[in-house]
Amino acid sequence: MTMASSSSSGQMTHPQAAVGASPCRYGVGSRVLMVSERRRDEKFQWMEAEVYKMEPAEGGTRVCIREVGGMNEEFEPVVVPHTTAAFQQLADLHAGGHGFHCFDHTPPQHLIPLQTVDEVDAERFCVDPSIKPHDAKDPLSFLSLPPSFMPPLPTDIITTTLLPLCGGRENLALKLKSTLCCTSTEVGNAIGSAAVSAIDSIIEKNGLTGAIGCRPLRRHLQRQPGRAMDVCRPFRLIRLHYLMVTGGHWRGNVPLLRLAKSCGKIQQLPIELTNDDLQHVGSKAVIDSRPEAIRQYSLYAHRLGHNMRLTRRADGLEEMDGYEVTVHTRRTVPDEYRNRFDATNPPRCFDYGSFRGLVIKRMALLSSRQVSYQSWRPSPAKCRRISDLVAQPPPLWDGCRTIDYTIFGDPRRLVILHGEEEGDEFAACIEMIKYPSGSADISLYTTEAPRQGVRPTTRWTAPPWSCCQTSDITRQVTHHTISVCRGASRAE
C-alpha cells in the first residue's frame, strides 16, 4: 500500500462486487483510486476515478475509467480478466499495459483469517508511468524502488496490521508496500487506524501533546451512519506518518506554535490536523528534499497567514510571501553562522542564522506594534551597551530566545521576552541594530492591547506607557540593564 503527494477528496459511494458474483467485479459507477497520467503542479497526484463504461473483451471486460471532478482526466481503458488464473503467471502481482497494476492473492484456506487480502476484497489499481516495462526474463522487473511521489508503508504497520490480512506471507507484504493502492474499505480502515496510533505515539514522544493533535483524522476513520468512507484517507495518514518520522526533532515547534497563538496567528492549541494540512506538505520528493525544520513548518505554515505561507516554486526553490528562501549547506554557510550551523535547521540565505529564526522574527514583528524606539550616535555609553548586546554570545538575559540576522549587511538581533510559554497571552520582543557607522538602534514590540482609553499612535505604533504588562516584563527580564521603556511610567 502506498501514499501519494496529493489527493482529491472523494468517497466510495458504490458497493464493491465480489469476484464470482459477476464476470467483472466492477460496474458502471464503481469508484477506484488512480494516479494521474500527467504531472499536475509538477507532481503526479492521487485522484478518485469512476467506471463510466464497460465493454466485452477477449478474456475479460474492458473497463473505461475517468476522474471524478477536477480535470476529468480519462485513463487508458483496461481489460480486467474474468478469472484470476491469468494473475498466477507472476507470483502475487501482475503488470498490465500503460502502468495499470492488478494484484491478486489467494492464500491457502487454512491461512485465511476473517478478513483477508484476496481477490474478493482487495483487487488493486495503480497507474504509475514511472515503473519500467515488464521484462519477460525477470517477472518482478517492474518492482523497482517506489516512485518519488509515493511514501512507503511504515514497516511496523506492514508487520502488525497488513501482514495478518495477507495470510502471514512476509514476502507478499514486502511486495505490497511499494506498489499497492487499496480500494478495500476494511483493509483501508485497518491501515488508517494503525497509522493514527503510530502518529499519536510520535506526537507524545516528541513532546507535541498540547501543540499538535490529529483528532479530526481519527474521527473520520470511524464509519458514520449514512456516510460513505473516504477511500483516500489511509494514504493521507501514511503521508503524515512519513512526514512525522522523517521530520526529525519536533520539540522546537512547541514554543513556535505558542508564540503564534500569542501573536494571534492561531486561535487555540493544540492545532488539530486535517486533510487540508496534509495537502500542503508536498510529495515524498519534496519532503525528502527539504531540511527537517522546513518539513515540519510546511505542515502548518498555511495556518499562520498569507505572509507566513511557504511555497515551492517550479524550479524547486522555496518562497515565503514572495521572498526566496535559500538554504545553506556547511560549505556555503556565512562565517558568522558557521560555528552554530545545524543541517536540520540551516541558515536562510545570508540573512538569518536558521530557518526557524526567520519564521519567528517575521511572525513577531509583523504581528506586533512598536511601543518604544531609541537611536544613539557613536560614543555614548548607551550606544556602546547596545553594540555589546548585539555582539554578546546568545542567548541573552537568562536564556531568552535570541535570533541573529543581517539586512543589507547590518547585524541585527531579536530577543523574545514573552509569548513562548504556556499561558502567555501576548508576545513581546526587543530588536537591536548595529550600523557600520557605530550608531545603534533599539526597539520594543508587543502584541499586548493598549490600556482601555488609550489609542495607538498608528496601526504599528503605540506609546510604551499604554502597555503596562510589556513594560513590567521588559524591566524584569532585562534586569533594568537597558532603558528601552523610556516614559513607561507616564500617567494617562
Protein backbone atom coordinates (compact mmCIF):
# COMPACT_ATOMS: atom_id res chain seq x y z
CA MET A 1 0.00 0.00 0.00
CA THR A 2 1.39 3.41 -0.91
CA MET A 3 0.65 7.09 -0.46
CA ALA A 4 0.93 9.93 -2.97
CA SER A 5 1.82 13.59 -2.91
CA SER A 6 -1.70 14.91 -3.14
CA SER A 7 -5.20 13.56 -3.46
CA SER A 8 -8.59 14.90 -4.29
CA SER A 9 -11.25 14.42 -1.69
CA GLY A 10 -13.54 11.58 -2.60
CA GLN A 11 -15.72 8.90 -1.11
CA MET A 12 -16.66 5.39 -2.20
CA THR A 13 -20.36 5.59 -2.93
CA HIS A 14 -20.88 2.23 -4.64
CA PRO A 15 -20.51 -1.20 -3.01
CA GLN A 16 -17.75 -3.43 -4.34
CA ALA A 17 -18.89 -6.54 -6.19
CA ALA A 18 -17.22 -9.78 -5.18
CA VAL A 19 -15.36 -11.84 -7.75
CA GLY A 20 -17.65 -14.62 -8.88
CA ALA A 21 -20.83 -12.60 -8.41
CA SER A 22 -20.43 -11.31 -11.97
CA PRO A 23 -17.88 -11.71 -14.80
CA CYS A 24 -16.23 -8.46 -13.63
CA ARG A 25 -16.16 -7.15 -10.08
CA TYR A 26 -16.73 -3.59 -11.34
CA GLY A 27 -19.87 -1.94 -12.64
CA VAL A 28 -20.68 1.42 -14.15
CA GLY A 29 -20.33 3.90 -11.31
CA SER A 30 -17.78 1.89 -9.28
CA ARG A 31 -15.10 4.06 -7.66
CA VAL A 32 -11.35 3.34 -7.65
CA LEU A 33 -8.19 5.29 -6.82
CA MET A 34 -5.88 6.22 -9.68
CA VAL A 35 -2.71 8.27 -10.13
CA SER A 36 -2.76 11.00 -12.77
CA GLU A 37 -1.01 10.04 -16.01
CA ARG A 38 0.33 13.60 -16.35
CA ARG A 39 2.04 15.83 -13.81
CA ARG A 40 -0.10 18.45 -12.13
CA ASP A 41 1.67 21.28 -10.34
CA GLU A 42 4.96 19.50 -11.09
CA LYS A 43 3.87 16.22 -9.49
CA PHE A 44 1.64 13.20 -10.01
CA GLN A 45 -1.47 13.15 -7.85
CA TRP A 46 -3.89 10.62 -6.44
CA MET A 47 -7.46 11.10 -7.58
CA GLU A 48 -10.80 9.39 -7.28
CA ALA A 49 -11.97 7.85 -10.54
CA GLU A 50 -15.20 6.28 -11.71
CA VAL A 51 -16.02 3.47 -14.12
CA TYR A 52 -18.20 5.10 -16.78
CA LYS A 53 -18.33 2.37 -19.44
CA MET A 54 -17.77 -1.40 -19.68
CA GLU A 55 -17.40 -3.47 -22.85
CA PRO A 56 -16.84 -7.18 -23.54
CA ALA A 57 -13.25 -8.03 -24.45
CA GLU A 58 -11.29 -11.19 -25.15
CA GLY A 59 -10.78 -12.99 -21.83
CA GLY A 60 -12.30 -10.22 -19.76
CA THR A 61 -14.09 -6.91 -19.62
CA ARG A 62 -12.77 -3.62 -20.93
CA VAL A 63 -13.17 -1.02 -18.19
CA CYS A 64 -13.18 2.70 -19.06
CA ILE A 65 -12.28 5.00 -16.18
CA ARG A 66 -12.21 8.77 -15.76
CA GLU A 67 -11.57 11.19 -12.93
CA VAL A 68 -14.45 12.32 -10.74
CA GLY A 69 -14.48 16.14 -10.82
CA GLY A 70 -11.25 18.09 -11.15
CA MET A 71 -9.80 17.91 -14.65
CA ASN A 72 -11.95 14.91 -15.66
CA GLU A 73 -8.86 13.04 -16.82
CA GLU A 74 -9.68 9.95 -18.85
CA PHE A 75 -7.47 6.89 -18.43
CA GLU A 76 -6.46 4.28 -20.97
CA PRO A 77 -9.12 1.51 -20.97
CA VAL A 78 -8.02 -1.62 -19.10
CA VAL A 79 -9.10 -5.22 -19.62
CA VAL A 80 -9.95 -6.91 -16.32
CA PRO A 81 -9.76 -10.74 -16.65
CA HIS A 82 -12.89 -12.77 -15.89
CA THR A 83 -10.87 -15.14 -13.70
CA THR A 84 -7.83 -14.82 -11.50
CA ALA A 85 -5.98 -17.55 -13.37
CA ALA A 86 -4.14 -15.02 -15.51
CA PHE A 87 -2.63 -13.47 -12.41
CA GLN A 88 -0.84 -16.64 -11.39
CA GLN A 89 1.78 -16.23 -14.14
CA LEU A 90 3.52 -13.77 -11.85
CA ALA A 91 3.70 -14.58 -8.17
CA ASP A 92 1.05 -12.42 -6.50
CA LEU A 93 1.42 -9.47 -8.87
CA HIS A 94 0.55 -8.79 -12.48
CA ALA A 95 1.59 -5.75 -14.54
CA GLY A 96 -0.77 -4.70 -17.28
CA GLY A 97 -0.32 -2.16 -20.04
CA HIS A 98 0.26 1.54 -19.53
CA GLY A 99 1.23 1.12 -15.90
CA PHE A 100 -2.09 -0.40 -14.79
CA HIS A 101 -1.35 -2.82 -11.98
CA CYS A 102 -3.62 -5.53 -10.70
CA PHE A 103 -2.90 -7.56 -7.57
CA ASP A 104 -4.36 -10.89 -6.61
CA HIS A 105 -3.50 -13.32 -3.85
CA THR A 106 -5.36 -16.43 -2.81
CA PRO A 107 -3.66 -17.87 0.30
CA PRO A 108 -4.18 -21.46 1.40
CA GLN A 109 -7.56 -21.90 3.04
CA HIS A 110 -6.09 -22.62 6.47
CA LEU A 111 -4.32 -19.22 6.42
CA ILE A 112 -7.37 -17.15 5.51
CA PRO A 113 -8.44 -15.09 8.56
CA LEU A 114 -11.85 -13.44 8.93
CA GLN A 115 -10.58 -10.54 6.83
CA THR A 116 -8.07 -11.31 4.12
CA VAL A 117 -6.36 -9.55 1.25
CA ASP A 118 -7.54 -11.66 -1.68
CA GLU A 119 -9.39 -11.33 -4.94
CA VAL A 120 -12.70 -10.86 -3.13
CA ASP A 121 -12.00 -7.66 -1.23
CA ALA A 122 -8.75 -6.20 -2.47
CA GLU A 123 -8.08 -6.01 -6.17
CA ARG A 124 -5.55 -3.23 -6.66
CA PHE A 125 -5.24 -0.43 -9.16
CA CYS A 126 -2.34 1.98 -9.50
CA VAL A 127 -1.40 3.93 -12.61
CA ASP A 128 2.32 4.64 -12.39
CA PRO A 129 4.05 5.86 -15.57
CA SER A 130 7.48 5.67 -13.93
CA ILE A 131 7.52 1.87 -13.48
CA LYS A 132 9.70 0.12 -16.02
CA PRO A 133 8.18 -2.06 -18.76
CA HIS A 134 7.80 -5.71 -17.85
CA ASP A 135 10.82 -7.86 -18.68
CA ALA A 136 9.80 -11.43 -19.53
CA LYS A 137 13.12 -12.76 -18.20
CA ASP A 138 12.54 -11.12 -14.82
CA PRO A 139 8.91 -11.46 -13.68
CA LEU A 140 9.44 -8.85 -10.96
CA SER A 141 11.40 -6.32 -13.03
CA PHE A 142 8.65 -3.74 -12.60
CA LEU A 143 9.05 -3.92 -8.81
CA SER A 144 11.64 -1.15 -8.75
CA LEU A 145 12.02 1.41 -5.99
CA PRO A 146 8.79 3.24 -5.08
CA PRO A 147 8.17 6.32 -7.24
CA SER A 148 9.43 9.50 -5.62
CA PHE A 149 5.91 10.79 -5.04
CA MET A 150 4.76 7.70 -3.09
CA PRO A 151 5.97 7.24 0.51
CA PRO A 152 6.35 3.59 1.53
CA LEU A 153 4.01 2.00 4.03
CA PRO A 154 5.65 2.05 7.50
CA THR A 155 7.29 -1.28 8.30
CA ASP A 156 5.61 -1.62 11.70
CA ILE A 157 2.18 -1.17 10.10
CA ILE A 158 3.06 -3.80 7.49
CA THR A 159 4.01 -6.36 10.13
CA THR A 160 1.30 -5.65 12.71
CA THR A 161 -1.68 -4.71 10.54
CA LEU A 162 -1.29 -5.61 6.88
CA LEU A 163 0.63 -8.87 7.21
CA PRO A 164 -2.11 -10.70 9.18
CA LEU A 165 -4.56 -9.73 6.44
CA CYS A 166 -2.22 -11.27 3.87
CA GLY A 167 -2.23 -14.71 5.43
CA GLY A 168 1.13 -14.18 7.13
CA ARG A 169 3.23 -14.21 3.96
CA GLU A 170 6.13 -11.83 4.57
CA ASN A 171 7.43 -11.90 1.01
CA LEU A 172 3.99 -10.84 -0.20
CA ALA A 173 3.83 -7.96 2.28
CA LEU A 174 7.20 -6.67 1.10
CA LYS A 175 5.88 -6.57 -2.45
CA LEU A 176 2.72 -4.79 -1.38
CA LYS A 177 4.32 -1.82 0.29
CA SER A 178 5.83 -0.25 -2.83
CA THR A 179 3.09 -0.83 -5.38
CA LEU A 180 -0.36 -1.03 -3.84
CA CYS A 181 -3.31 1.27 -3.73
CA CYS A 182 -6.09 -0.21 -1.64
CA THR A 183 -9.76 0.04 -2.60
CA SER A 184 -10.98 -2.22 0.21
CA THR A 185 -12.62 -0.20 2.99
CA GLU A 186 -11.90 -2.95 5.54
CA VAL A 187 -8.18 -3.03 4.81
CA GLY A 188 -8.05 0.74 4.40
CA ASN A 189 -9.66 1.27 7.79
CA ALA A 190 -7.23 -1.14 9.44
CA ILE A 191 -4.25 0.62 7.88
CA GLY A 192 -5.66 4.04 8.76
CA SER A 193 -6.25 3.12 12.40
CA ALA A 194 -2.73 1.72 12.71
CA ALA A 195 -1.28 4.88 11.15
CA VAL A 196 -3.17 7.11 13.61
CA SER A 197 -1.87 5.08 16.56
CA ALA A 198 1.69 5.42 15.25
CA ILE A 199 1.23 9.17 14.76
CA ASP A 200 -0.13 9.55 18.30
CA SER A 201 2.97 7.79 19.61
CA ILE A 202 5.27 10.16 17.67
CA ILE A 203 3.38 13.20 18.97
CA GLU A 204 3.74 12.03 22.56
CA LYS A 205 7.39 11.02 22.16
CA ASN A 206 8.33 14.41 20.70
CA GLY A 207 6.55 16.41 23.40
CA LEU A 208 3.96 17.78 20.96
CA THR A 209 0.95 16.95 23.13
CA GLY A 210 -0.85 20.23 23.64
CA ALA A 211 0.65 21.75 20.49
CA ILE A 212 -0.31 19.37 17.64
CA GLY A 213 -3.12 16.81 17.52
CA CYS A 214 -4.92 14.69 14.90
CA ARG A 215 -8.38 14.26 16.39
CA PRO A 216 -10.26 15.09 13.13
CA LEU A 217 -8.24 12.48 11.22
CA ARG A 218 -9.03 9.88 13.87
CA ARG A 219 -12.72 10.77 13.95
CA HIS A 220 -13.17 10.38 10.20
CA LEU A 221 -11.82 6.84 10.35
CA GLN A 222 -14.98 5.80 12.16
CA ARG A 223 -17.88 4.74 9.99
CA GLN A 224 -20.85 7.07 10.39
CA PRO A 225 -24.42 6.02 9.54
CA GLY A 226 -25.44 7.19 6.10
CA ARG A 227 -21.94 8.38 5.20
CA ALA A 228 -19.55 6.57 2.86
CA MET A 229 -15.92 6.10 3.84
CA ASP A 230 -13.25 8.28 2.21
CA VAL A 231 -11.08 5.86 0.23
CA CYS A 232 -8.22 8.39 0.09
CA ARG A 233 -7.85 8.80 3.85
CA PRO A 234 -5.39 5.94 4.59
CA PHE A 235 -2.96 7.41 2.07
CA ARG A 236 -3.14 10.84 3.69
CA LEU A 237 -2.40 9.27 7.05
CA ILE A 238 0.57 7.37 5.63
CA ARG A 239 1.88 10.65 4.22
CA LEU A 240 1.52 12.31 7.65
CA HIS A 241 3.28 9.37 9.32
CA TYR A 242 6.14 9.63 6.80
CA LEU A 243 6.47 13.37 7.44
CA MET A 244 6.46 12.91 11.23
CA VAL A 245 9.12 10.18 11.07
CA THR A 246 11.42 11.99 8.65
CA GLY A 247 10.79 15.39 10.23
CA GLY A 248 13.42 14.79 12.92
CA HIS A 249 13.11 16.50 16.31
CA TRP A 250 9.78 18.31 16.56
CA ARG A 251 10.12 19.86 20.04
CA GLY A 252 11.26 23.20 18.63
CA ASN A 253 7.79 23.68 17.16
CA VAL A 254 6.13 23.87 20.58
CA PRO A 255 7.42 27.37 21.54
CA LEU A 256 6.95 28.50 17.93
CA LEU A 257 3.27 27.49 17.99
CA ARG A 258 2.79 29.08 21.41
CA LEU A 259 4.27 32.29 20.02
CA ALA A 260 1.92 32.03 17.02
CA LYS A 261 -1.00 31.93 19.45
CA SER A 262 0.39 34.90 21.40
CA CYS A 263 0.69 36.78 18.09
CA GLY A 264 -2.91 36.00 17.16
CA LYS A 265 -1.93 33.81 14.21
CA ILE A 266 -3.83 30.81 15.57
CA GLN A 267 -6.77 30.86 17.96
CA GLN A 268 -6.05 27.87 20.17
CA LEU A 269 -3.72 24.97 20.85
CA PRO A 270 -3.31 22.21 20.01
CA ILE A 271 -3.79 22.73 16.30
CA GLU A 272 -5.83 19.75 15.12
CA LEU A 273 -4.51 18.45 11.81
CA THR A 274 -6.99 17.99 8.97
CA ASN A 275 -6.88 16.82 5.38
CA ASP A 276 -6.20 20.40 4.30
CA ASP A 277 -2.96 20.46 6.31
CA LEU A 278 -1.76 17.28 4.62
CA GLN A 279 -2.30 18.80 1.19
CA HIS A 280 0.40 21.42 1.94
CA VAL A 281 3.34 19.17 2.87
CA GLY A 282 4.15 18.24 -0.73
CA SER A 283 5.11 14.99 -2.37
CA LYS A 284 7.61 12.49 -1.00
CA ALA A 285 10.24 14.02 -3.29
CA VAL A 286 9.51 17.49 -1.87
CA ILE A 287 9.58 16.20 1.72
CA ASP A 288 12.89 14.40 1.14
CA SER A 289 14.48 17.47 -0.46
CA ARG A 290 13.73 19.78 2.49
CA PRO A 291 15.73 20.17 5.72
CA GLU A 292 13.89 18.91 8.79
CA ALA A 293 12.85 22.34 10.09
CA ILE A 294 11.23 23.21 6.74
CA ARG A 295 9.50 19.82 6.56
CA GLN A 296 7.98 20.48 9.97
CA TYR A 297 6.93 24.04 9.17
CA SER A 298 5.23 23.00 5.93
CA LEU A 299 2.62 21.12 7.96
CA TYR A 300 1.09 24.26 9.49
CA ALA A 301 2.63 27.29 7.71
CA HIS A 302 -0.59 28.00 5.81
CA ARG A 303 -2.41 28.45 9.13
CA LEU A 304 -0.25 31.46 10.06
CA GLY A 305 -1.46 33.80 7.34
CA HIS A 306 -0.56 34.63 3.76
CA ASN A 307 2.68 36.41 4.64
CA MET A 308 3.92 33.32 6.52
CA ARG A 309 2.96 30.76 3.87
CA LEU A 310 5.73 28.58 2.43
CA THR A 311 5.50 27.60 -1.25
CA ARG A 312 7.68 25.50 -3.54
CA ARG A 313 8.37 27.08 -6.93
CA ALA A 314 8.57 25.15 -10.19
CA ASP A 315 12.38 25.46 -10.11
CA GLY A 316 12.48 23.74 -6.71
CA LEU A 317 13.26 26.85 -4.64
CA GLU A 318 11.21 27.87 -1.60
CA GLU A 319 9.37 31.16 -1.19
CA MET A 320 7.78 32.91 1.77
CA ASP A 321 5.49 35.84 0.97
CA GLY A 322 7.22 36.26 -2.39
CA TYR A 323 10.75 36.25 -0.92
CA GLU A 324 13.13 33.49 -1.96
CA VAL A 325 14.28 31.24 0.87
CA THR A 326 17.76 29.93 0.06
CA VAL A 327 19.07 27.19 2.33
CA HIS A 328 22.78 26.99 3.10
CA THR A 329 24.95 23.90 3.46
CA ARG A 330 28.01 23.58 5.69
CA ARG A 331 30.19 24.59 2.72
CA THR A 332 28.21 27.73 1.83
CA VAL A 333 27.21 29.00 5.28
CA PRO A 334 28.48 32.54 6.05
CA ASP A 335 31.29 32.81 8.60
CA GLU A 336 29.12 34.50 11.24
CA TYR A 337 26.89 31.39 11.41
CA ARG A 338 29.49 28.69 10.82
CA ASN A 339 30.06 27.78 14.48
CA ARG A 340 26.31 27.35 15.03
CA PHE A 341 25.46 25.59 11.76
CA ASP A 342 22.72 22.95 12.04
CA ALA A 343 21.94 20.99 8.87
CA THR A 344 18.41 20.23 10.13
CA ASN A 345 17.67 23.94 10.68
CA PRO A 346 20.12 25.68 8.31
CA PRO A 347 20.67 29.41 7.75
CA ARG A 348 18.39 31.15 5.31
CA CYS A 349 20.34 32.96 2.56
CA PHE A 350 22.82 35.47 4.06
CA ASP A 351 20.24 36.96 6.41
CA TYR A 352 19.23 34.58 9.20
CA GLY A 353 21.07 32.15 11.44
CA SER A 354 18.36 29.49 11.00
CA PHE A 355 15.12 28.88 9.15
CA ARG A 356 13.13 28.77 12.37
CA GLY A 357 14.72 32.08 13.34
CA LEU A 358 13.40 33.58 10.09
CA VAL A 359 9.89 32.34 10.88
CA ILE A 360 9.89 33.64 14.45
CA LYS A 361 11.32 37.05 13.51
CA ARG A 362 8.78 37.61 10.72
CA MET A 363 5.86 36.44 12.81
CA ALA A 364 6.83 38.50 15.88
CA LEU A 365 7.47 41.79 14.06
CA LEU A 366 4.62 41.53 11.55
CA SER A 367 2.11 40.83 14.34
CA SER A 368 3.12 43.48 16.88
CA ARG A 369 3.23 47.24 17.47
CA GLN A 370 6.35 49.24 18.17
CA VAL A 371 5.94 50.81 21.62
CA SER A 372 9.44 52.24 22.02
CA TYR A 373 12.27 53.27 19.70
CA GLN A 374 15.59 54.85 20.61
CA SER A 375 18.65 55.64 18.49
CA TRP A 376 22.14 56.71 19.55
CA ARG A 377 25.11 58.09 17.67
CA PRO A 378 28.57 56.58 18.27
CA SER A 379 30.42 57.05 21.55
CA PRO A 380 27.66 57.45 24.17
CA ALA A 381 27.64 54.69 26.77
CA LYS A 382 24.12 53.58 25.80
CA CYS A 383 25.23 53.14 22.20
CA ARG A 384 28.19 51.01 23.27
CA ARG A 385 25.86 48.99 25.50
CA ILE A 386 23.58 48.11 22.56
CA SER A 387 26.58 47.23 20.38
CA ASP A 388 27.87 44.93 23.13
CA LEU A 389 24.47 43.21 23.40
CA VAL A 390 24.42 42.59 19.63
CA ALA A 391 27.90 41.02 19.80
CA GLN A 392 27.36 39.02 23.02
CA PRO A 393 27.11 35.21 22.56
CA PRO A 394 23.46 34.09 22.66
CA PRO A 395 21.16 33.63 24.41
CA LEU A 396 20.63 36.93 26.22
CA TRP A 397 19.04 37.56 29.60
CA ASP A 398 18.85 34.17 31.26
CA GLY A 399 18.02 32.14 28.17
CA CYS A 400 15.63 34.32 26.14
CA ARG A 401 15.38 33.16 22.54
CA THR A 402 17.91 35.22 20.59
CA ILE A 403 17.75 35.45 16.79
CA ASP A 404 20.63 36.89 14.77
CA TYR A 405 20.20 38.18 11.23
CA THR A 406 21.55 40.80 8.84
CA ILE A 407 19.75 43.15 6.47
CA PHE A 408 21.90 44.92 3.88
CA GLY A 409 24.95 43.91 5.90
CA ASP A 410 23.78 45.49 9.17
CA PRO A 411 23.86 42.98 12.07
CA ARG A 412 20.57 42.75 13.95
CA ARG A 413 19.35 40.81 16.94
CA LEU A 414 15.81 39.97 18.05
CA VAL A 415 15.19 38.80 21.62
CA ILE A 416 11.84 37.20 22.53
CA LEU A 417 10.87 38.42 26.02
CA HIS A 418 7.40 36.92 26.30
CA GLY A 419 4.95 34.75 24.35
CA GLU A 420 6.61 31.32 24.06
CA GLU A 421 5.48 29.82 27.35
CA GLU A 422 2.21 28.04 28.03
CA GLY A 423 -0.37 30.53 29.23
CA ASP A 424 1.28 33.62 27.69
CA GLU A 425 -1.44 35.88 26.31
CA PHE A 426 0.70 38.26 24.28
CA ALA A 427 4.15 38.47 22.68
CA ALA A 428 6.90 40.99 23.42
CA CYS A 429 10.34 41.32 21.85
CA ILE A 430 13.30 43.68 21.52
CA GLU A 431 15.11 44.38 18.26
CA MET A 432 18.64 45.82 18.28
CA ILE A 433 20.59 47.08 15.25
CA LYS A 434 24.27 47.96 14.97
CA TYR A 435 25.29 50.11 11.99
CA PRO A 436 28.74 50.29 10.32
CA SER A 437 28.97 53.96 11.36
CA GLY A 438 28.94 52.87 15.01
CA SER A 439 25.43 54.12 15.78
CA ALA A 440 22.81 51.76 17.21
CA ASP A 441 19.01 51.43 17.46
CA ILE A 442 16.79 49.58 19.91
CA SER A 443 13.02 48.98 19.64
CA LEU A 444 10.41 47.31 21.80
CA TYR A 445 7.48 45.49 20.15
CA THR A 446 4.39 43.90 21.68
CA THR A 447 1.03 42.39 20.76
CA GLU A 448 -0.44 43.46 24.10
CA ALA A 449 -3.59 45.51 23.61
CA PRO A 450 -3.23 49.15 24.77
CA ARG A 451 -4.89 50.09 28.02
CA GLN A 452 -8.55 50.98 27.79
CA GLY A 453 -8.98 54.56 26.63
CA VAL A 454 -5.51 54.78 25.03
CA ARG A 455 -5.38 54.93 21.25
CA PRO A 456 -2.37 53.54 19.38
CA THR A 457 -0.37 56.25 17.61
CA THR A 458 -0.70 54.31 14.34
CA ARG A 459 -1.56 50.77 13.34
CA TRP A 460 2.04 49.77 14.02
CA THR A 461 2.97 52.01 16.97
CA ALA A 462 1.72 52.80 20.46
CA PRO A 463 3.18 54.75 23.43
CA PRO A 464 5.12 52.49 25.86
CA TRP A 465 3.09 53.57 28.88
CA SER A 466 -0.06 52.18 27.17
CA CYS A 467 1.16 48.56 27.57
CA CYS A 468 1.84 48.11 31.28
CA GLN A 469 2.50 44.35 31.28
CA THR A 470 5.00 44.65 28.44
CA SER A 471 6.86 47.42 30.28
CA ASP A 472 6.97 45.42 33.51
CA ILE A 473 8.13 42.22 31.78
CA THR A 474 10.83 44.10 29.86
CA ARG A 475 12.33 45.62 33.01
CA GLN A 476 12.13 42.27 34.81
CA VAL A 477 13.69 40.18 32.02
CA THR A 478 16.47 42.64 31.16
CA HIS A 479 17.27 43.26 34.85
CA HIS A 480 16.99 47.03 34.20
CA THR A 481 20.21 46.85 32.14
CA ILE A 482 18.76 48.94 29.28
CA SER A 483 16.32 51.85 29.20
CA VAL A 484 14.18 50.69 26.31
CA CYS A 485 10.97 51.60 28.15
CA ARG A 486 11.67 55.29 28.48
CA GLY A 487 8.46 57.03 29.50
CA ALA A 488 6.77 53.82 30.64
CA SER A 489 5.73 55.34 33.94
CA ARG A 490 3.98 58.31 32.34
CA ALA A 491 0.42 58.82 33.52
CA GLU A 492 -2.50 58.90 31.14
